[in-house]
């Protein structure tokens, strides 16, 4: 279950209160699941969907047992998970995404998908999403077998698109006028492996 709605704060929290690490402990994985489900409910508006969130029901198998996949978390001074980002092997699912993307990312073992980027509201504007994306990028580079980082975002979520465009991403495809499901307005990006992510502040949880 997602946690209760956090209270909003008027000023950005200090960044030195947080620790970024790979989630391997069960309590960190459980905290990551709660943060992602909170974002699915309150930011994306559709909540838990088993066909999309299957990884959250198999966290150890997905993000610990598989050495090429990882969940990263930001924890606050109490040790609570307040933000997440993850890497999984393979590009977007086709369908529902266009066949063109299936061809582009046909070599799934060479594609790292960046997803599950979410931050609880009272911890936003502390650069956590940016720091977590940087940790994911470093993980992908260290693997040595990936050639590209792929991600997509739902531009209907306020500030999601501006956040990603503040990073050194490359737009691959804009499907906002093509999708039949009114809940989505998807733009697809790649994050080059060799670029360096700067320290500008993030502003919002970002959808998967």
Protein backbone atom coordinates (compact mmCIF):
# COMPACT_ATOMS: atom_id res chain seq x y z
CA UNK A 1 0.00 0.00 0.00
CA UNK A 2 1.14 3.55 -0.66
CA UNK A 3 1.98 5.71 2.38
CA UNK A 4 -0.38 8.49 3.52
CA UNK A 5 -0.07 11.80 1.72
CA UNK A 6 3.00 13.66 3.02
CA UNK A 7 2.70 17.25 4.16
CA UNK A 8 4.15 19.92 1.85
CA UNK A 9 6.89 22.28 2.97
CA UNK A 10 7.47 25.80 1.70
CA UNK A 11 11.25 25.67 1.35
CA UNK A 12 13.64 23.13 -0.22
CA UNK A 13 15.20 20.69 2.26
CA UNK A 14 18.97 20.67 2.73
CA UNK A 15 20.72 18.18 0.48
CA UNK A 16 23.23 17.07 3.13
CA UNK A 17 20.45 15.30 5.03
CA UNK A 18 20.24 12.54 2.42
CA UNK A 19 22.15 9.40 1.50
CA UNK A 20 22.08 7.89 -2.00
CA UNK A 21 22.66 4.14 -2.18
CA UNK A 22 21.70 0.98 -4.02
CA UNK A 23 18.72 -0.70 -2.36
CA UNK A 24 19.62 -4.22 -1.29
CA UNK A 25 18.13 -4.36 2.20
CA UNK A 26 14.52 -5.44 2.43
CA UNK A 27 13.56 -2.29 4.34
CA UNK A 28 15.00 -0.10 1.58
CA UNK A 29 13.26 -2.12 -1.11
CA UNK A 30 9.97 -1.89 0.78
CA UNK A 31 10.45 1.86 1.16
CA UNK A 32 11.18 2.21 -2.55
CA UNK A 33 8.01 0.31 -3.40
CA UNK A 34 5.97 2.67 -1.20
CA UNK A 35 7.46 5.78 -2.82
CA UNK A 36 6.82 4.53 -6.36
CA UNK A 37 3.24 3.58 -5.53
CA UNK A 38 2.66 6.97 -3.91
CA UNK A 39 3.79 8.63 -7.15
CA UNK A 40 1.61 6.30 -9.23
CA UNK A 41 -1.42 7.27 -7.17
CA UNK A 42 -0.88 10.97 -6.52
CA UNK A 43 1.27 12.15 -9.45
CA UNK A 44 0.17 9.82 -12.24
CA UNK A 45 -3.38 9.35 -11.03
CA UNK A 46 -3.87 5.68 -11.85
CA UNK A 47 -2.26 3.91 -8.88
CA UNK A 48 -0.99 0.35 -8.80
CA UNK A 49 -1.31 -1.52 -12.10
CA UNK A 50 -0.06 -5.15 -11.88
CA UNK A 51 0.87 -5.33 -15.57
CA UNK A 52 3.08 -2.24 -15.21
CA UNK A 53 4.28 -2.58 -11.62
CA UNK A 54 5.14 -6.29 -11.54
CA UNK A 55 8.72 -5.46 -10.52
CA UNK A 56 7.45 -3.93 -7.28
CA UNK A 57 6.06 -7.32 -6.30
CA UNK A 58 9.40 -9.04 -7.02
CA UNK A 59 11.88 -6.47 -5.77
CA UNK A 60 14.66 -8.84 -4.62
CA UNK A 61 14.46 -10.96 -7.76
CA UNK A 62 14.37 -7.91 -10.03
CA UNK A 63 16.80 -5.48 -8.43
CA UNK A 64 19.12 -7.54 -6.21
CA UNK A 65 19.49 -11.02 -7.70
CA UNK A 66 19.99 -9.66 -11.23
CA UNK A 67 23.44 -7.96 -11.27
CA UNK A 68 22.56 -5.85 -14.33
CA UNK A 69 19.50 -4.25 -12.70
CA UNK A 70 19.34 -1.98 -9.68
CA UNK A 71 17.06 0.16 -7.56
CA UNK A 72 18.66 3.26 -6.07
CA UNK A 73 17.16 5.18 -3.17
CA UNK A 74 17.63 8.42 -1.28
CA UNK A 75 17.15 8.08 2.47
CA UNK A 76 16.69 10.93 4.92
CA UNK A 77 18.31 11.37 8.34
CA UNK A 78 15.92 8.83 9.86
CA UNK A 79 16.76 6.18 7.26
CA UNK A 80 13.39 6.45 5.52
CA UNK A 81 13.31 6.12 1.73
CA UNK A 82 12.12 9.40 0.21
CA UNK A 83 13.13 9.11 -3.47
CA UNK A 84 13.90 6.37 -5.99
CA UNK A 85 15.26 5.56 -9.44
CA UNK A 86 15.91 2.22 -11.10
CA UNK A 87 17.63 0.52 -14.02
CA UNK A 88 16.25 -2.50 -15.85
CA UNK A 89 17.56 -4.31 -18.91
CA UNK A 90 15.63 -3.69 -22.14
CA UNK A 91 13.76 -0.92 -23.89
CA UNK A 92 10.04 -0.11 -23.94
CA UNK A 93 7.41 -2.79 -24.34
CA UNK A 94 6.05 -3.08 -27.89
CA UNK A 95 3.06 -2.88 -27.87
CA UNK A 96 1.85 -0.58 -26.36
CA UNK A 97 4.75 1.55 -27.58
CA UNK A 98 5.37 1.92 -31.35
CA UNK A 99 7.10 -0.76 -33.42
CA UNK A 100 9.73 1.79 -34.42
CA UNK A 101 11.03 1.70 -30.84
CA UNK A 102 11.07 -2.08 -30.83
CA UNK A 103 13.36 -2.00 -33.86
CA UNK A 104 15.55 0.72 -32.39
CA UNK A 105 16.07 -1.24 -29.17
CA UNK A 106 15.97 -4.75 -30.61
CA UNK A 107 19.21 -5.69 -28.84
CA UNK A 108 17.58 -5.59 -25.44
CA UNK A 109 20.68 -6.70 -23.53
CA UNK A 110 22.45 -3.54 -24.71
CA UNK A 111 19.67 -1.21 -23.52
CA UNK A 112 19.35 0.08 -19.96
CA UNK A 113 15.92 1.48 -19.17
CA UNK A 114 15.77 4.24 -16.56
CA UNK A 115 12.48 4.18 -14.67
CA UNK A 116 10.80 4.40 -11.24
CA UNK A 117 12.09 7.95 -10.73
CA UNK A 118 9.96 9.40 -7.91
CA UNK A 119 10.37 11.78 -4.97
CA UNK A 120 7.97 12.36 -2.10
CA UNK A 121 6.56 15.92 -2.21
CA UNK A 122 8.21 17.34 0.92
CA UNK A 123 11.64 16.20 -0.29
CA UNK A 124 11.49 17.72 -3.76
CA UNK A 125 13.81 20.52 -4.86
CA UNK A 126 16.67 18.86 -2.97
CA UNK A 127 18.27 17.55 -6.20
CA UNK A 128 17.44 13.97 -5.25
CA UNK A 129 16.05 12.87 -8.61
CA UNK A 130 19.08 14.34 -10.34
CA UNK A 131 21.48 12.60 -7.96
CA UNK A 132 19.65 9.29 -8.35
CA UNK A 133 19.71 9.54 -12.14
CA UNK A 134 23.45 10.19 -11.93
CA UNK A 135 23.85 7.05 -9.77
CA UNK A 136 21.90 5.03 -12.34
CA UNK A 137 24.04 6.39 -15.15
CA UNK A 138 27.23 5.42 -13.29
CA UNK A 139 25.85 1.93 -12.67
CA UNK A 140 25.14 1.53 -16.39
CA UNK A 141 28.61 2.73 -17.37
CA UNK A 142 30.24 0.34 -14.89
CA UNK A 143 28.32 -2.61 -16.36
CA UNK A 144 30.17 -2.31 -19.65
CA UNK A 145 27.54 -4.17 -21.66
CA UNK A 146 25.06 -1.37 -22.26
CA UNK A 147 25.23 1.00 -25.23
CA UNK A 148 22.38 3.37 -24.32
CA UNK A 149 20.07 4.51 -21.52
CA UNK A 150 16.43 4.75 -22.61
CA UNK A 151 13.58 6.44 -20.73
CA UNK A 152 10.13 7.84 -21.37
CA UNK A 153 7.97 10.30 -19.47
CA UNK A 154 4.32 11.24 -19.26
CA UNK A 155 4.19 14.96 -20.03
CA UNK A 156 0.74 15.25 -18.42
CA UNK A 157 2.50 15.17 -15.04
CA UNK A 158 3.40 18.75 -14.08
CA UNK A 159 7.15 19.49 -14.30
CA UNK A 160 8.04 15.98 -15.53
CA UNK A 161 9.06 17.06 -19.02
CA UNK A 162 10.99 20.16 -17.84
CA UNK A 163 12.93 18.00 -15.38
CA UNK A 164 14.08 15.58 -18.06
CA UNK A 165 14.89 18.36 -20.51
CA UNK A 166 17.08 19.96 -17.83
CA UNK A 167 19.29 16.88 -18.16
CA UNK A 168 21.48 16.11 -21.18
CA UNK A 169 18.85 13.86 -22.79
CA UNK A 170 18.14 13.43 -26.50
CA UNK A 171 14.53 13.25 -27.66
CA UNK A 172 13.86 10.10 -29.70
CA UNK A 173 10.14 10.23 -30.31
CA UNK A 174 7.14 12.36 -29.31
CA UNK A 175 3.92 10.35 -29.13
CA UNK A 176 1.69 13.01 -27.57
CA UNK A 177 -0.58 13.21 -30.61
CA UNK A 178 -0.57 9.48 -31.35
CA UNK A 179 -1.73 7.79 -28.15
CA UNK A 180 -5.30 6.60 -27.68
CA UNK A 181 -5.21 6.46 -23.88
CA UNK A 182 -6.02 9.98 -22.59
CA UNK A 183 -4.01 9.38 -19.42
CA UNK A 184 -0.75 9.50 -21.35
CA UNK A 185 1.22 12.00 -23.39
CA UNK A 186 4.53 10.19 -23.84
CA UNK A 187 7.89 11.50 -24.97
CA UNK A 188 10.81 9.09 -25.36
CA UNK A 189 14.41 10.04 -24.59
CA UNK A 190 17.92 8.66 -24.45
CA UNK A 191 20.49 9.69 -21.87
CA UNK A 192 24.00 9.37 -23.36
CA UNK A 193 26.40 7.34 -21.26
CA UNK A 194 29.29 9.78 -21.63
CA UNK A 195 27.51 12.97 -20.51
CA UNK A 196 27.88 14.44 -17.03
CA UNK A 197 24.78 15.40 -15.05
CA UNK A 198 25.09 18.80 -13.40
CA UNK A 199 23.71 19.80 -10.03
CA UNK A 200 20.64 21.87 -10.91
CA UNK A 201 17.67 21.16 -8.67
CA UNK A 202 14.89 18.77 -9.64
CA UNK A 203 11.32 19.87 -9.10
CA UNK A 204 8.95 16.93 -9.27
CA UNK A 205 8.50 13.21 -9.16
CA UNK A 206 8.87 11.85 -12.65
CA UNK A 207 6.68 9.01 -14.07
CA UNK A 208 7.89 5.63 -15.46
